[in-house]
Amino acid sequence: MFYVYVLKSQKDHKLYIGSTNSLERRLKEHNEGKVLSTKCRIPFEIIYYEAYKSEDDARKRERNLKLRSRAHAQLKKRIEGSLK
């Protein structure tokens, strides 16, 4: 399985969107500071994820969420309780 995930920084409360084939490993990498783009914002918690059979589908969804403000806004509305 491949996953699109949303992390929330417990430091600045901002979100990070990514994709992976292992949620546990990827969260660990983020929280250990091994990801350059997020290491100054640790610690993180997973607040949302979607599972896909196809890596291509997961990557397309990740790009969609990152590049299309409407898709991002709809996701935030869907998970508004988790954003608090």
C-alpha atoms as a PDB file:
ATOM      1  CA  MET A   1       0.000   0.000   0.000  1.00  0.00           C
ATOM      2  CA  PHE A   2       0.964   3.611  -0.569  1.00  0.00           C
ATOM      3  CA  TYR A   3      -0.166   6.468   1.597  1.00  0.00           C
ATOM      4  CA  VAL A   4      -0.775  10.186   1.368  1.00  0.00           C
ATOM      5  CA  TYR A   5      -0.448  11.661   4.830  1.00  0.00           C
ATOM      6  CA  VAL A   6      -0.900  14.927   6.649  1.00  0.00           C
ATOM      7  CA  LEU A   7       1.353  15.750   9.564  1.00  0.00           C
ATOM      8  CA  LYS A   8       0.778  18.507  12.071  1.00  0.00           C
ATOM      9  CA  SER A   9       3.754  20.122  13.744  1.00  0.00           C
ATOM     10  CA  GLN A  10       3.321  20.300  17.500  1.00  0.00           C
ATOM     11  CA  LYS A  11       5.795  23.175  17.495  1.00  0.00           C
ATOM     12  CA  ASP A  12       4.143  25.635  15.065  1.00  0.00           C
ATOM     13  CA  HIS A  13       0.844  23.801  14.321  1.00  0.00           C
ATOM     14  CA  LYS A  14       1.455  23.962  10.556  1.00  0.00           C
ATOM     15  CA  LEU A  15       0.674  21.062   8.241  1.00  0.00           C
ATOM     16  CA  TYR A  16       2.926  18.975   6.020  1.00  0.00           C
ATOM     17  CA  ILE A  17       1.628  16.739   3.218  1.00  0.00           C
ATOM     18  CA  GLY A  18       3.625  13.800   1.889  1.00  0.00           C
ATOM     19  CA  SER A  19       3.415  10.284   0.507  1.00  0.00           C
ATOM     20  CA  THR A  20       5.142   7.033   1.417  1.00  0.00           C
ATOM     21  CA  ASN A  21       4.866   3.267   1.417  1.00  0.00           C
ATOM     22  CA  SER A  22       5.424   3.088   5.205  1.00  0.00           C
ATOM     23  CA  LEU A  23       3.667   5.533   7.515  1.00  0.00           C
ATOM     24  CA  GLU A  24       5.501   4.403  10.647  1.00  0.00           C
ATOM     25  CA  ARG A  25       8.949   4.686   9.067  1.00  0.00           C
ATOM     26  CA  ARG A  26       8.199   8.056   7.497  1.00  0.00           C
ATOM     27  CA  LEU A  27       6.819   9.570  10.709  1.00  0.00           C
ATOM     28  CA  LYS A  28       9.921   8.338  12.526  1.00  0.00           C
ATOM     29  CA  GLU A  29      12.167   9.970   9.882  1.00  0.00           C
ATOM     30  CA  HIS A  30      10.304  13.273  10.240  1.00  0.00           C
ATOM     31  CA  ASN A  31      10.502  13.211  14.041  1.00  0.00           C
ATOM     32  CA  GLU A  32      14.186  12.272  14.064  1.00  0.00           C
ATOM     33  CA  GLY A  33      15.005  15.313  11.910  1.00  0.00           C
ATOM     34  CA  LYS A  34      16.050  13.247   8.898  1.00  0.00           C
ATOM     35  CA  VAL A  35      13.775  15.182   6.515  1.00  0.00           C
ATOM     36  CA  LEU A  36      15.386  18.490   5.569  1.00  0.00           C
ATOM     37  CA  SER A  37      12.129  20.327   4.857  1.00  0.00           C
ATOM     38  CA  THR A  38      10.623  19.539   8.276  1.00  0.00           C
ATOM     39  CA  LYS A  39      13.491  19.105  10.715  1.00  0.00           C
ATOM     40  CA  CYS A  40      13.118  22.578  12.267  1.00  0.00           C
ATOM     41  CA  ARG A  41       9.417  21.929  13.023  1.00  0.00           C
ATOM     42  CA  ILE A  42       9.553  18.638  14.987  1.00  0.00           C
ATOM     43  CA  PRO A  43       7.766  16.908  16.646  1.00  0.00           C
ATOM     44  CA  PHE A  44       4.956  15.841  14.318  1.00  0.00           C
ATOM     45  CA  GLU A  45       1.828  13.755  14.627  1.00  0.00           C
ATOM     46  CA  ILE A  46      -0.147  12.103  11.826  1.00  0.00           C
ATOM     47  CA  ILE A  47      -3.601  13.648  11.713  1.00  0.00           C
ATOM     48  CA  TYR A  48      -4.868  12.140   8.439  1.00  0.00           C
ATOM     49  CA  TYR A  49      -3.936   9.615   5.783  1.00  0.00           C
ATOM     50  CA  GLU A  50      -5.358   7.961   2.678  1.00  0.00           C
ATOM     51  CA  ALA A  51      -4.321   4.525   1.397  1.00  0.00           C
ATOM     52  CA  TYR A  52      -3.823   3.618  -2.260  1.00  0.00           C
ATOM     53  CA  LYS A  53      -2.901   0.405  -4.013  1.00  0.00           C
ATOM     54  CA  SER A  54      -0.999   2.308  -6.698  1.00  0.00           C
ATOM     55  CA  GLU A  55       2.034   4.487  -5.960  1.00  0.00           C
ATOM     56  CA  ASP A  56       1.127   6.623  -8.972  1.00  0.00           C
ATOM     57  CA  ASP A  57      -2.349   7.311  -7.543  1.00  0.00           C
ATOM     58  CA  ALA A  58      -0.856   8.325  -4.185  1.00  0.00           C
ATOM     59  CA  ARG A  59       1.657  10.669  -5.841  1.00  0.00           C
ATOM     60  CA  LYS A  60      -1.071  12.264  -7.962  1.00  0.00           C
ATOM     61  CA  ARG A  61      -3.193  12.892  -4.866  1.00  0.00           C
ATOM     62  CA  GLU A  62      -0.207  14.361  -3.000  1.00  0.00           C
ATOM     63  CA  ARG A  63       0.515  16.755  -5.883  1.00  0.00           C
ATOM     64  CA  ASN A  64      -3.154  17.682  -6.075  1.00  0.00           C
ATOM     65  CA  LEU A  65      -3.268  18.578  -2.382  1.00  0.00           C
ATOM     66  CA  LYS A  66      -0.039  20.567  -2.562  1.00  0.00           C
ATOM     67  CA  LEU A  67      -0.754  22.482  -5.765  1.00  0.00           C
ATOM     68  CA  ARG A  68      -4.500  23.060  -5.764  1.00  0.00           C
ATOM     69  CA  SER A  69      -5.705  25.380  -3.062  1.00  0.00           C
ATOM     70  CA  ARG A  70      -9.300  24.184  -3.454  1.00  0.00           C
ATOM     71  CA  ALA A  71      -8.353  20.544  -2.807  1.00  0.00           C
ATOM     72  CA  HIS A  72      -6.275  21.630   0.179  1.00  0.00           C
ATOM     73  CA  ALA A  73      -9.144  23.727   1.566  1.00  0.00           C
ATOM     74  CA  GLN A  74     -11.621  20.857   1.140  1.00  0.00           C
ATOM     75  CA  LEU A  75      -9.302  18.507   2.998  1.00  0.00           C
ATOM     76  CA  LYS A  76      -8.878  20.999   5.845  1.00  0.00           C
ATOM     77  CA  LYS A  77     -12.655  21.321   6.075  1.00  0.00           C
ATOM     78  CA  ARG A  78     -12.998  17.514   6.183  1.00  0.00           C
ATOM     79  CA  ILE A  79     -10.521  17.184   9.051  1.00  0.00           C
ATOM     80  CA  GLU A  80     -11.216  20.433  10.900  1.00  0.00           C
ATOM     81  CA  GLY A  81     -11.737  18.615  14.206  1.00  0.00           C
ATOM     82  CA  SER A  82      -8.263  17.083  13.944  1.00  0.00           C
ATOM     83  CA  LEU A  83      -6.678  20.468  13.290  1.00  0.00           C
ATOM     84  CA  LYS A  84      -7.511  21.805  16.760  1.00  0.00           C
END
